[in-house]
Amino acid sequence: MSPIIIKTVILWAGWLLFIGGTIYILLRGKTLLNMVKGSLIGRLTVGLMVGFFVELLSVLILCTVLLSMSEQNVYVVLPFFLAWLIVFFIAWKVMRKTRQSIEKMVAGK
């Protein structure tokens, strides 16, 4: 596959997933935070979410800068992008399972 095609896919997929995923996680996270508001878990969750978004955005910006410098950087960026993608989906899955667990606890199950 051409480095230009890989570059385009990384940039489009990365930014669309980051923006869409951030909106989704923030909306779902807000519901989750309202359930545990004021508790230690709530404060920990806020800290983890902020750190998570800063790390994801940092990696994506770094990938974007490297790719804008040269298409040959695709082979350097690709492993980092794939790791970023995996972490993104793991975080989404953890957020979903955590929300389900908290809903069960609140319901008394």
PDB file of N, CA and C in Angstrom:
ATOM      1  N   MET A   1       0.837  -1.176   0.000  1.00  0.00           N
ATOM      2  CA  MET A   1       0.000   0.000   0.000  1.00  0.00           C
ATOM      3  C   MET A   1       0.886   1.245   0.000  1.00  0.00           C
ATOM      4  N   SER A   2       0.413   2.260  -0.644  1.00  0.00           N
ATOM      5  CA  SER A   2       1.145   3.515  -0.768  1.00  0.00           C
ATOM      6  C   SER A   2       1.201   4.265   0.564  1.00  0.00           C
ATOM      7  N   PRO A   3       2.352   4.875   0.873  1.00  0.00           N
ATOM      8  CA  PRO A   3       2.442   5.663   2.116  1.00  0.00           C
ATOM      9  C   PRO A   3       1.431   6.814   2.165  1.00  0.00           C
ATOM     10  N   ILE A   4       1.086   7.369   1.014  1.00  0.00           N
ATOM     11  CA  ILE A   4       0.128   8.476   0.984  1.00  0.00           C
ATOM     12  C   ILE A   4      -1.259   7.989   1.389  1.00  0.00           C
ATOM     13  N   ILE A   5      -1.638   6.800   0.942  1.00  0.00           N
ATOM     14  CA  ILE A   5      -2.935   6.239   1.318  1.00  0.00           C
ATOM     15  C   ILE A   5      -2.965   5.928   2.806  1.00  0.00           C
ATOM     16  N   ILE A   6      -1.893   5.324   3.316  1.00  0.00           N
ATOM     17  CA  ILE A   6      -1.816   5.011   4.752  1.00  0.00           C
ATOM     18  C   ILE A   6      -1.883   6.298   5.571  1.00  0.00           C
ATOM     19  N   LYS A   7      -1.172   7.320   5.114  1.00  0.00           N
ATOM     20  CA  LYS A   7      -1.185   8.617   5.801  1.00  0.00           C
ATOM     21  C   LYS A   7      -2.596   9.180   5.857  1.00  0.00           C
ATOM     22  N   THR A   8      -3.292   9.149   4.740  1.00  0.00           N
ATOM     23  CA  THR A   8      -4.657   9.681   4.676  1.00  0.00           C
ATOM     24  C   THR A   8      -5.589   8.908   5.599  1.00  0.00           C
ATOM     25  N   VAL A   9      -5.478   7.595   5.596  1.00  0.00           N
ATOM     26  CA  VAL A   9      -6.329   6.767   6.458  1.00  0.00           C
ATOM     27  C   VAL A   9      -6.045   7.064   7.928  1.00  0.00           C
ATOM     28  N   ILE A  10      -4.769   7.141   8.292  1.00  0.00           N
ATOM     29  CA  ILE A  10      -4.404   7.428   9.684  1.00  0.00           C
ATOM     30  C   ILE A  10      -4.965   8.777  10.125  1.00  0.00           C
ATOM     31  N   LEU A  11      -4.790   9.792   9.302  1.00  0.00           N
ATOM     32  CA  LEU A  11      -5.242  11.125   9.699  1.00  0.00           C
ATOM     33  C   LEU A  11      -6.765  11.211   9.780  1.00  0.00           C
ATOM     34  N   TRP A  12      -7.463  10.710   8.776  1.00  0.00           N
ATOM     35  CA  TRP A  12      -8.922  10.768   8.797  1.00  0.00           C
ATOM     36  C   TRP A  12      -9.498   9.903   9.907  1.00  0.00           C
ATOM     37  N   ALA A  13      -9.060   8.663   9.973  1.00  0.00           N
ATOM     38  CA  ALA A  13      -9.591   7.754  10.994  1.00  0.00           C
ATOM     39  C   ALA A  13      -9.237   8.253  12.393  1.00  0.00           C
ATOM     40  N   GLY A  14      -8.003   8.679  12.569  1.00  0.00           N
ATOM     41  CA  GLY A  14      -7.560   9.136  13.888  1.00  0.00           C
ATOM     42  C   GLY A  14      -8.351  10.324  14.392  1.00  0.00           C
ATOM     43  N   TRP A  15      -8.473  11.348  13.571  1.00  0.00           N
ATOM     44  CA  TRP A  15      -9.164  12.548  14.021  1.00  0.00           C
ATOM     45  C   TRP A  15     -10.669  12.331  14.160  1.00  0.00           C
ATOM     46  N   LEU A  16     -11.265  11.573  13.231  1.00  0.00           N
ATOM     47  CA  LEU A  16     -12.699  11.304  13.359  1.00  0.00           C
ATOM     48  C   LEU A  16     -12.997  10.466  14.596  1.00  0.00           C
ATOM     49  N   LEU A  17     -12.188   9.440  14.841  1.00  0.00           N
ATOM     50  CA  LEU A  17     -12.389   8.624  16.042  1.00  0.00           C
ATOM     51  C   LEU A  17     -12.153   9.432  17.307  1.00  0.00           C
ATOM     52  N   PHE A  18     -11.132  10.279  17.294  1.00  0.00           N
ATOM     53  CA  PHE A  18     -10.848  11.074  18.486  1.00  0.00           C
ATOM     54  C   PHE A  18     -12.003  12.030  18.785  1.00  0.00           C
ATOM     55  N   ILE A  19     -12.457  12.742  17.780  1.00  0.00           N
ATOM     56  CA  ILE A  19     -13.527  13.718  17.998  1.00  0.00           C
ATOM     57  C   ILE A  19     -14.834  13.009  18.370  1.00  0.00           C
ATOM     58  N   GLY A  20     -15.211  12.009  17.581  1.00  0.00           N
ATOM     59  CA  GLY A  20     -16.451  11.276  17.867  1.00  0.00           C
ATOM     60  C   GLY A  20     -16.384  10.526  19.187  1.00  0.00           C
ATOM     61  N   GLY A  21     -15.255   9.880  19.429  1.00  0.00           N
ATOM     62  CA  GLY A  21     -15.077   9.129  20.667  1.00  0.00           C
ATOM     63  C   GLY A  21     -15.047  10.024  21.887  1.00  0.00           C
ATOM     64  N   THR A  22     -14.432  11.186  21.753  1.00  0.00           N
ATOM     65  CA  THR A  22     -14.377  12.125  22.866  1.00  0.00           C
ATOM     66  C   THR A  22     -15.783  12.603  23.226  1.00  0.00           C
ATOM     67  N   ILE A  23     -16.562  12.934  22.216  1.00  0.00           N
ATOM     68  CA  ILE A  23     -17.936  13.373  22.472  1.00  0.00           C
ATOM     69  C   ILE A  23     -18.723  12.250  23.145  1.00  0.00           C
ATOM     70  N   TYR A  24     -18.597  11.037  22.623  1.00  0.00           N
ATOM     71  CA  TYR A  24     -19.317   9.898  23.191  1.00  0.00           C
ATOM     72  C   TYR A  24     -18.889   9.640  24.640  1.00  0.00           C
ATOM     73  N   ILE A  25     -17.587   9.582  24.868  1.00  0.00           N
ATOM     74  CA  ILE A  25     -17.083   9.282  26.203  1.00  0.00           C
ATOM     75  C   ILE A  25     -17.439  10.392  27.190  1.00  0.00           C
ATOM     76  N   LEU A  26     -17.385  11.645  26.744  1.00  0.00           N
ATOM     77  CA  LEU A  26     -17.748  12.741  27.643  1.00  0.00           C
ATOM     78  C   LEU A  26     -19.235  12.699  28.004  1.00  0.00           C
ATOM     79  N   LEU A  27     -20.080  12.409  27.039  1.00  0.00           N
ATOM     80  CA  LEU A  27     -21.514  12.328  27.332  1.00  0.00           C
ATOM     81  C   LEU A  27     -21.812  11.155  28.253  1.00  0.00           C
ATOM     82  N   ARG A  28     -21.220  10.009  27.961  1.00  0.00           N
ATOM     83  CA  ARG A  28     -21.422   8.837  28.814  1.00  0.00           C
ATOM     84  C   ARG A  28     -20.737   9.031  30.162  1.00  0.00           C
ATOM     85  N   GLY A  29     -19.576   9.644  30.144  1.00  0.00           N
ATOM     86  CA  GLY A  29     -18.830   9.887  31.381  1.00  0.00           C
ATOM     87  C   GLY A  29     -19.555  10.844  32.300  1.00  0.00           C
ATOM     88  N   LYS A  30     -20.263  11.803  31.720  1.00  0.00           N
ATOM     89  CA  LYS A  30     -21.022  12.749  32.533  1.00  0.00           C
ATOM     90  C   LYS A  30     -22.104  12.009  33.323  1.00  0.00           C
ATOM     91  N   THR A  31     -22.778  11.080  32.673  1.00  0.00           N
ATOM     92  CA  THR A  31     -23.789  10.271  33.349  1.00  0.00           C
ATOM     93  C   THR A  31     -23.149   9.456  34.462  1.00  0.00           C
ATOM     94  N   LEU A  32     -22.022   8.861  34.154  1.00  0.00           N
ATOM     95  CA  LEU A  32     -21.289   8.057  35.132  1.00  0.00           C
ATOM     96  C   LEU A  32     -20.853   8.914  36.313  1.00  0.00           C
ATOM     97  N   LEU A  33     -20.326  10.091  36.039  1.00  0.00           N
ATOM     98  CA  LEU A  33     -19.859  10.968  37.115  1.00  0.00           C
ATOM     99  C   LEU A  33     -21.013  11.443  37.991  1.00  0.00           C
ATOM    100  N   ASN A  34     -22.166  11.668  37.400  1.00  0.00           N
ATOM    101  CA  ASN A  34     -23.327  12.076  38.202  1.00  0.00           C
ATOM    102  C   ASN A  34     -23.735  10.982  39.181  1.00  0.00           C
ATOM    103  N   MET A  35     -23.494   9.722  38.812  1.00  0.00           N
ATOM    104  CA  MET A  35     -23.848   8.609  39.692  1.00  0.00           C
ATOM    105  C   MET A  35     -22.915   8.518  40.897  1.00  0.00           C
ATOM    106  N   VAL A  36     -21.666   8.927  40.721  1.00  0.00           N
ATOM    107  CA  VAL A  36     -20.672   8.791  41.793  1.00  0.00           C
ATOM    108  C   VAL A  36     -20.151  10.158  42.249  1.00  0.00           C
ATOM    109  N   LYS A  37     -20.941  11.185  42.025  1.00  0.00           N
ATOM    110  CA  LYS A  37     -20.552  12.562  42.310  1.00  0.00           C
ATOM    111  C   LYS A  37     -20.087  12.741  43.761  1.00  0.00           C
ATOM    112  N   GLY A  38     -18.945  13.395  43.926  1.00  0.00           N
ATOM    113  CA  GLY A  38     -18.436  13.713  45.246  1.00  0.00           C
ATOM    114  C   GLY A  38     -17.681  12.594  45.939  1.00  0.00           C
ATOM    115  N   SER A  39     -17.737  11.398  45.411  1.00  0.00           N
ATOM    116  CA  SER A  39     -17.054  10.283  46.066  1.00  0.00           C
ATOM    117  C   SER A  39     -15.607  10.182  45.578  1.00  0.00           C
ATOM    118  N   LEU A  40     -14.850   9.347  46.244  1.00  0.00           N
ATOM    119  CA  LEU A  40     -13.466   9.107  45.840  1.00  0.00           C
ATOM    120  C   LEU A  40     -13.414   8.539  44.426  1.00  0.00           C
ATOM    121  N   ILE A  41     -14.339   7.655  44.108  1.00  0.00           N
ATOM    122  CA  ILE A  41     -14.379   7.067  42.765  1.00  0.00           C
ATOM    123  C   ILE A  41     -14.644   8.142  41.723  1.00  0.00           C
ATOM    124  N   GLY A  42     -15.510   9.088  42.038  1.00  0.00           N
ATOM    125  CA  GLY A  42     -15.813  10.181  41.119  1.00  0.00           C
ATOM    126  C   GLY A  42     -14.601  11.039  40.835  1.00  0.00           C
ATOM    127  N   ARG A  43     -13.868  11.398  41.889  1.00  0.00           N
ATOM    128  CA  ARG A  43     -12.664  12.218  41.708  1.00  0.00           C
ATOM    129  C   ARG A  43     -11.596  11.462  40.937  1.00  0.00           C
ATOM    130  N   LEU A  44     -11.447  10.193  41.225  1.00  0.00           N
ATOM    131  CA  LEU A  44     -10.480   9.363  40.513  1.00  0.00           C
ATOM    132  C   LEU A  44     -10.860   9.239  39.036  1.00  0.00           C
ATOM    133  N   THR A  45     -12.142   9.075  38.781  1.00  0.00           N
ATOM    134  CA  THR A  45     -12.620   8.952  37.400  1.00  0.00           C
ATOM    135  C   THR A  45     -12.335  10.223  36.606  1.00  0.00           C
ATOM    136  N   VAL A  46     -12.569  11.377  37.200  1.00  0.00           N
ATOM    137  CA  VAL A  46     -12.296  12.639  36.513  1.00  0.00           C
ATOM    138  C   VAL A  46     -10.813  12.743  36.179  1.00  0.00           C
ATOM    139  N   GLY A  47      -9.963  12.437  37.135  1.00  0.00           N
ATOM    140  CA  GLY A  47      -8.521  12.496  36.889  1.00  0.00           C
ATOM    141  C   GLY A  47      -8.077  11.549  35.790  1.00  0.00           C
ATOM    142  N   LEU A  48      -8.618  10.344  35.808  1.00  0.00           N
ATOM    143  CA  LEU A  48      -8.264   9.369  34.777  1.00  0.00           C
ATOM    144  C   LEU A  48      -8.764   9.793  33.405  1.00  0.00           C
ATOM    145  N   MET A  49      -9.962  10.358  33.338  1.00  0.00           N
ATOM    146  CA  MET A  49     -10.495  10.801  32.048  1.00  0.00           C
ATOM    147  C   MET A  49      -9.677  11.951  31.470  1.00  0.00           C
ATOM    148  N   VAL A  50      -9.313  12.898  32.302  1.00  0.00           N
ATOM    149  CA  VAL A  50      -8.510  14.023  31.823  1.00  0.00           C
ATOM    150  C   VAL A  50      -7.149  13.523  31.326  1.00  0.00           C
ATOM    151  N   GLY A  51      -6.509  12.680  32.105  1.00  0.00           N
ATOM    152  CA  GLY A  51      -5.228  12.113  31.690  1.00  0.00           C
ATOM    153  C   GLY A  51      -5.339  11.312  30.408  1.00  0.00           C
ATOM    154  N   PHE A  52      -6.398  10.545  30.285  1.00  0.00           N
ATOM    155  CA  PHE A  52      -6.627   9.738  29.093  1.00  0.00           C
ATOM    156  C   PHE A  52      -6.750  10.621  27.851  1.00  0.00           C
ATOM    157  N   PHE A  53      -7.546  11.685  27.939  1.00  0.00           N
ATOM    158  CA  PHE A  53      -7.730  12.555  26.787  1.00  0.00           C
ATOM    159  C   PHE A  53      -6.460  13.321  26.428  1.00  0.00           C
ATOM    160  N   VAL A  54      -5.711  13.751  27.423  1.00  0.00           N
ATOM    161  CA  VAL A  54      -4.457  14.454  27.152  1.00  0.00           C
ATOM    162  C   VAL A  54      -3.470  13.518  26.446  1.00  0.00           C
ATOM    163  N   GLU A  55      -3.380  12.286  26.910  1.00  0.00           N
ATOM    164  CA  GLU A  55      -2.475  11.326  26.277  1.00  0.00           C
ATOM    165  C   GLU A  55      -2.905  11.008  24.856  1.00  0.00           C
ATOM    166  N   LEU A  56      -4.187  10.749  24.645  1.00  0.00           N
ATOM    167  CA  LEU A  56      -4.661  10.442  23.301  1.00  0.00           C
ATOM    168  C   LEU A  56      -4.440  11.606  22.348  1.00  0.00           C
ATOM    169  N   LEU A  57      -4.761  12.802  22.795  1.00  0.00           N
ATOM    170  CA  LEU A  57      -4.577  13.974  21.946  1.00  0.00           C
ATOM    171  C   LEU A  57      -3.104  14.211  21.652  1.00  0.00           C
ATOM    172  N   SER A  58      -2.244  13.996  22.622  1.00  0.00           N
ATOM    173  CA  SER A  58      -0.802  14.186  22.417  1.00  0.00           C
ATOM    174  C   SER A  58      -0.260  13.233  21.355  1.00  0.00           C
ATOM    175  N   VAL A  59      -0.637  11.989  21.431  1.00  0.00           N
ATOM    176  CA  VAL A  59      -0.169  11.014  20.445  1.00  0.00           C
ATOM    177  C   VAL A  59      -0.711  11.354  19.067  1.00  0.00           C
ATOM    178  N   LEU A  60      -1.966  11.739  18.986  1.00  0.00           N
ATOM    179  CA  LEU A  60      -2.559  12.065  17.696  1.00  0.00           C
ATOM    180  C   LEU A  60      -1.926  13.312  17.089  1.00  0.00           C
ATOM    181  N   ILE A  61      -1.651  14.308  17.890  1.00  0.00           N
ATOM    182  CA  ILE A  61      -0.985  15.515  17.383  1.00  0.00           C
ATOM    183  C   ILE A  61       0.423  15.174  16.915  1.00  0.00           C
ATOM    184  N   LEU A  62       1.145  14.386  17.675  1.00  0.00           N
ATOM    185  CA  LEU A  62       2.491  13.978  17.272  1.00  0.00           C
ATOM    186  C   LEU A  62       2.458  13.223  15.947  1.00  0.00           C
ATOM    187  N   CYS A  63       1.521  12.304  15.807  1.00  0.00           N
ATOM    188  CA  CYS A  63       1.380  11.557  14.549  1.00  0.00           C
ATOM    189  C   CYS A  63       1.066  12.501  13.392  1.00  0.00           C
ATOM    190  N   THR A  64       0.182  13.465  13.621  1.00  0.00           N
ATOM    191  CA  THR A  64      -0.186  14.421  12.580  1.00  0.00           C
ATOM    192  C   THR A  64       1.016  15.254  12.148  1.00  0.00           C
ATOM    193  N   VAL A  65       1.787  15.735  13.110  1.00  0.00           N
ATOM    194  CA  VAL A  65       2.971  16.537  12.789  1.00  0.00           C
ATOM    195  C   VAL A  65       3.988  15.706  12.010  1.00  0.00           C
ATOM    196  N   LEU A  66       4.253  14.502  12.465  1.00  0.00           N
ATOM    197  CA  LEU A  66       5.214  13.654  11.756  1.00  0.00           C
ATOM    198  C   LEU A  66       4.749  13.336  10.342  1.00  0.00           C
ATOM    199  N   LEU A  67       3.468  13.078  10.177  1.00  0.00           N
ATOM    200  CA  LEU A  67       2.948  12.765   8.845  1.00  0.00           C
ATOM    201  C   LEU A  67       2.931  13.986   7.933  1.00  0.00           C
ATOM    202  N   SER A  68       2.772  15.165   8.492  1.00  0.00           N
ATOM    203  CA  SER A  68       2.786  16.375   7.664  1.00  0.00           C
ATOM    204  C   SER A  68       4.203  16.717   7.202  1.00  0.00           C
ATOM    205  N   MET A  69       5.206  16.212   7.926  1.00  0.00           N
ATOM    206  CA  MET A  69       6.594  16.463   7.548  1.00  0.00           C
ATOM    207  C   MET A  69       7.005  15.633   6.330  1.00  0.00           C
ATOM    208  N   SER A  70       6.579  14.364   6.304  1.00  0.00           N
ATOM    209  CA  SER A  70       6.959  13.479   5.207  1.00  0.00           C
ATOM    210  C   SER A  70       6.091  12.234   5.209  1.00  0.00           C
ATOM    211  N   GLU A  71       5.758  11.766   4.013  1.00  0.00           N
ATOM    212  CA  GLU A  71       4.997  10.523   3.904  1.00  0.00           C
ATOM    213  C   GLU A  71       5.808   9.324   4.375  1.00  0.00           C
ATOM    214  N   GLN A  72       7.120   9.434   4.351  1.00  0.00           N
ATOM    215  CA  GLN A  72       7.974   8.328   4.775  1.00  0.00           C
ATOM    216  C   GLN A  72       7.874   8.071   6.278  1.00  0.00           C
ATOM    217  N   ASN A  73       7.384   9.037   7.016  1.00  0.00           N
ATOM    218  CA  ASN A  73       7.191   8.860   8.456  1.00  0.00           C
ATOM    219  C   ASN A  73       6.013   7.938   8.778  1.00  0.00           C
ATOM    220  N   VAL A  74       5.287   7.520   7.751  1.00  0.00           N
ATOM    221  CA  VAL A  74       4.156   6.618   7.954  1.00  0.00           C
ATOM    222  C   VAL A  74       4.601   5.356   8.675  1.00  0.00           C
ATOM    223  N   TYR A  75       5.757   4.853   8.324  1.00  0.00           N
ATOM    224  CA  TYR A  75       6.230   3.596   8.915  1.00  0.00           C
ATOM    225  C   TYR A  75       6.695   3.777  10.359  1.00  0.00           C
ATOM    226  N   VAL A  76       6.999   4.995  10.740  1.00  0.00           N
ATOM    227  CA  VAL A  76       7.323   5.298  12.134  1.00  0.00           C
ATOM    228  C   VAL A  76       6.033   5.487  12.938  1.00  0.00           C
ATOM    229  N   VAL A  77       5.063   6.151  12.332  1.00  0.00           N
ATOM    230  CA  VAL A  77       3.819   6.515  13.004  1.00  0.00           C
ATOM    231  C   VAL A  77       2.868   5.326  13.146  1.00  0.00           C
ATOM    232  N   LEU A  78       2.848   4.437  12.174  1.00  0.00           N
ATOM    233  CA  LEU A  78       1.868   3.355  12.142  1.00  0.00           C
ATOM    234  C   LEU A  78       1.790   2.525  13.431  1.00  0.00           C
ATOM    235  N   PRO A  79       2.917   2.077  14.015  1.00  0.00           N
ATOM    236  CA  PRO A  79       2.799   1.310  15.268  1.00  0.00           C
ATOM    237  C   PRO A  79       2.202   2.124  16.421  1.00  0.00           C
ATOM    238  N   PHE A  80       2.546   3.404  16.492  1.00  0.00           N
ATOM    239  CA  PHE A  80       1.999   4.264  17.543  1.00  0.00           C
ATOM    240  C   PHE A  80       0.504   4.490  17.329  1.00  0.00           C
ATOM    241  N   PHE A  81       0.123   4.665  16.075  1.00  0.00           N
ATOM    242  CA  PHE A  81      -1.293   4.857  15.769  1.00  0.00           C
ATOM    243  C   PHE A  81      -2.092   3.611  16.109  1.00  0.00           C
ATOM    244  N   LEU A  82      -1.574   2.450  15.776  1.00  0.00           N
ATOM    245  CA  LEU A  82      -2.270   1.202  16.090  1.00  0.00           C
ATOM    246  C   LEU A  82      -2.397   1.005  17.602  1.00  0.00           C
ATOM    247  N   ALA A  83      -1.341   1.335  18.339  1.00  0.00           N
ATOM    248  CA  ALA A  83      -1.406   1.259  19.806  1.00  0.00           C
ATOM    249  C   ALA A  83      -2.438   2.252  20.333  1.00  0.00           C
ATOM    250  N   TRP A  84      -2.464   3.444  19.774  1.00  0.00           N
ATOM    251  CA  TRP A  84      -3.435   4.469  20.153  1.00  0.00           C
ATOM    252  C   TRP A  84      -4.855   3.962  19.922  1.00  0.00           C
ATOM    253  N   LEU A  85      -5.064   3.331  18.774  1.00  0.00           N
ATOM    254  CA  LEU A  85      -6.374   2.808  18.420  1.00  0.00           C
ATOM    255  C   LEU A  85      -6.819   1.713  19.387  1.00  0.00           C
ATOM    256  N   ILE A  86      -5.921   0.831  19.739  1.00  0.00           N
ATOM    257  CA  ILE A  86      -6.228  -0.251  20.677  1.00  0.00           C
ATOM    258  C   ILE A  86      -6.587   0.315  22.050  1.00  0.00           C
ATOM    259  N   VAL A  87      -5.795   1.260  22.530  1.00  0.00           N
ATOM    260  CA  VAL A  87      -6.066   1.880  23.837  1.00  0.00           C
ATOM    261  C   VAL A  87      -7.407   2.608  23.823  1.00  0.00           C
ATOM    262  N   PHE A  88      -7.705   3.258  22.718  1.00  0.00           N
ATOM    263  CA  PHE A  88      -8.969   3.980  22.587  1.00  0.00           C
ATOM    264  C   PHE A  88     -10.149   3.027  22.747  1.00  0.00           C
ATOM    265  N   PHE A  89     -10.110   1.892  22.068  1.00  0.00           N
ATOM    266  CA  PHE A  89     -11.220   0.944  22.154  1.00  0.00           C
ATOM    267  C   PHE A  89     -11.275   0.243  23.509  1.00  0.00           C
ATOM    268  N   ILE A  90     -10.131  -0.005  24.113  1.00  0.00           N
ATOM    269  CA  ILE A  90     -10.121  -0.580  25.461  1.00  0.00           C
ATOM    270  C   ILE A  90     -10.762   0.397  26.446  1.00  0.00           C
ATOM    271  N   ALA A  91     -10.420   1.678  26.335  1.00  0.00           N
ATOM    272  CA  ALA A  91     -11.000   2.690  27.229  1.00  0.00           C
ATOM    273  C   ALA A  91     -12.507   2.779  27.042  1.00  0.00           C
ATOM    274  N   TRP A  92     -12.963   2.701  25.812  1.00  0.00           N
ATOM    275  CA  TRP A  92     -14.397   2.733  25.537  1.00  0.00           C
ATOM    276  C   TRP A  92     -15.085   1.533  26.187  1.00  0.00           C
ATOM    277  N   LYS A  93     -14.477   0.366  26.066  1.00  0.00           N
ATOM    278  CA  LYS A  93     -15.042  -0.846  26.635  1.00  0.00           C
ATOM    279  C   LYS A  93     -15.069  -0.764  28.174  1.00  0.00           C
ATOM    280  N   VAL A  94     -13.993  -0.276  28.773  1.00  0.00           N
ATOM    281  CA  VAL A  94     -13.926  -0.129  30.231  1.00  0.00           C
ATOM    282  C   VAL A  94     -14.981   0.860  30.717  1.00  0.00           C
ATOM    283  N   MET A  95     -15.137   1.962  29.992  1.00  0.00           N
ATOM    284  CA  MET A  95     -16.137   2.962  30.371  1.00  0.00           C
ATOM    285  C   MET A  95     -17.530   2.346  30.333  1.00  0.00           C
ATOM    286  N   ARG A  96     -17.819   1.569  29.325  1.00  0.00           N
ATOM    287  CA  ARG A  96     -19.130   0.931  29.192  1.00  0.00           C
ATOM    288  C   ARG A  96     -19.381  -0.060  30.328  1.00  0.00           C
ATOM    289  N   LYS A  97     -18.379  -0.891  30.627  1.00  0.00           N
ATOM    290  CA  LYS A  97     -18.540  -1.893  31.689  1.00  0.00           C
ATOM    291  C   LYS A  97     -18.639  -1.225  33.063  1.00  0.00           C
ATOM    292  N   THR A  98     -17.877  -0.167  33.270  1.00  0.00           N
ATOM    293  CA  THR A  98     -17.932   0.555  34.540  1.00  0.00           C
ATOM    294  C   THR A  98     -19.306   1.168  34.745  1.00  0.00           C
ATOM    295  N   ARG A  99     -19.835   1.757  33.702  1.00  0.00           N
ATOM    296  CA  ARG A  99     -21.168   2.357  33.788  1.00  0.00           C
ATOM    297  C   ARG A  99     -22.214   1.294  34.126  1.00  0.00           C
ATOM    298  N   GLN A 100     -22.121   0.148  33.484  1.00  0.00           N
ATOM    299  CA  GLN A 100     -23.071  -0.936  33.765  1.00  0.00           C
ATOM    300  C   GLN A 100     -22.951  -1.409  35.214  1.00  0.00           C
ATOM    301  N   SER A 101     -21.736  -1.514  35.714  1.00  0.00           N
ATOM    302  CA  SER A 101     -21.524  -1.941  37.102  1.00  0.00           C
ATOM    303  C   SER A 101     -22.089  -0.949  38.072  1.00  0.00           C
ATOM    304  N   ILE A 102     -21.867   0.328  37.826  1.00  0.00           N
ATOM    305  CA  ILE A 102     -22.378   1.366  38.734  1.00  0.00           C
ATOM    306  C   ILE A 102     -23.908   1.395  38.701  1.00  0.00           C
ATOM    307  N   GLU A 103     -24.480   1.229  37.504  1.00  0.00           N
ATOM    308  CA  GLU A 103     -25.935   1.185  37.427  1.00  0.00           C
ATOM    309  C   GLU A 103     -26.507   0.030  38.236  1.00  0.00           C
ATOM    310  N   LYS A 104     -25.823  -1.117  38.222  1.00  0.00           N
ATOM    311  CA  LYS A 104     -26.266  -2.266  39.028  1.00  0.00           C
ATOM    312  C   LYS A 104     -26.156  -1.957  40.512  1.00  0.00           C
ATOM    313  N   MET A 105     -25.044  -1.303  40.913  1.00  0.00           N
ATOM    314  CA  MET A 105     -24.863  -0.959  42.325  1.00  0.00           C
ATOM    315  C   MET A 105     -25.926   0.032  42.790  1.00  0.00           C
ATOM    316  N   VAL A 106     -26.230   1.015  41.960  1.00  0.00           N
ATOM    317  CA  VAL A 106     -27.230   2.014  42.312  1.00  0.00           C
ATOM    318  C   VAL A 106     -28.610   1.384  42.416  1.00  0.00           C
ATOM    319  N   ALA A 107     -28.881   0.428  41.531  1.00  0.00           N
ATOM    320  CA  ALA A 107     -30.167  -0.260  41.551  1.00  0.00           C
ATOM    321  C   ALA A 107     -30.275  -1.269  42.696  1.00  0.00           C
ATOM    322  N   GLY A 108     -29.165  -1.556  43.358  1.00  0.00           N
ATOM    323  CA  GLY A 108     -29.161  -2.465  44.493  1.00  0.00           C
ATOM    324  C   GLY A 108     -29.061  -3.926  44.130  1.00  0.00           C
ATOM    325  N   LYS A 109     -28.550  -4.196  42.969  1.00  0.00           N
ATOM    326  CA  LYS A 109     -28.415  -5.601  42.534  1.00  0.00           C
ATOM    327  C   LYS A 109     -27.064  -6.145  42.896  1.00  0.00           C
TER     328      LYS A 109
END
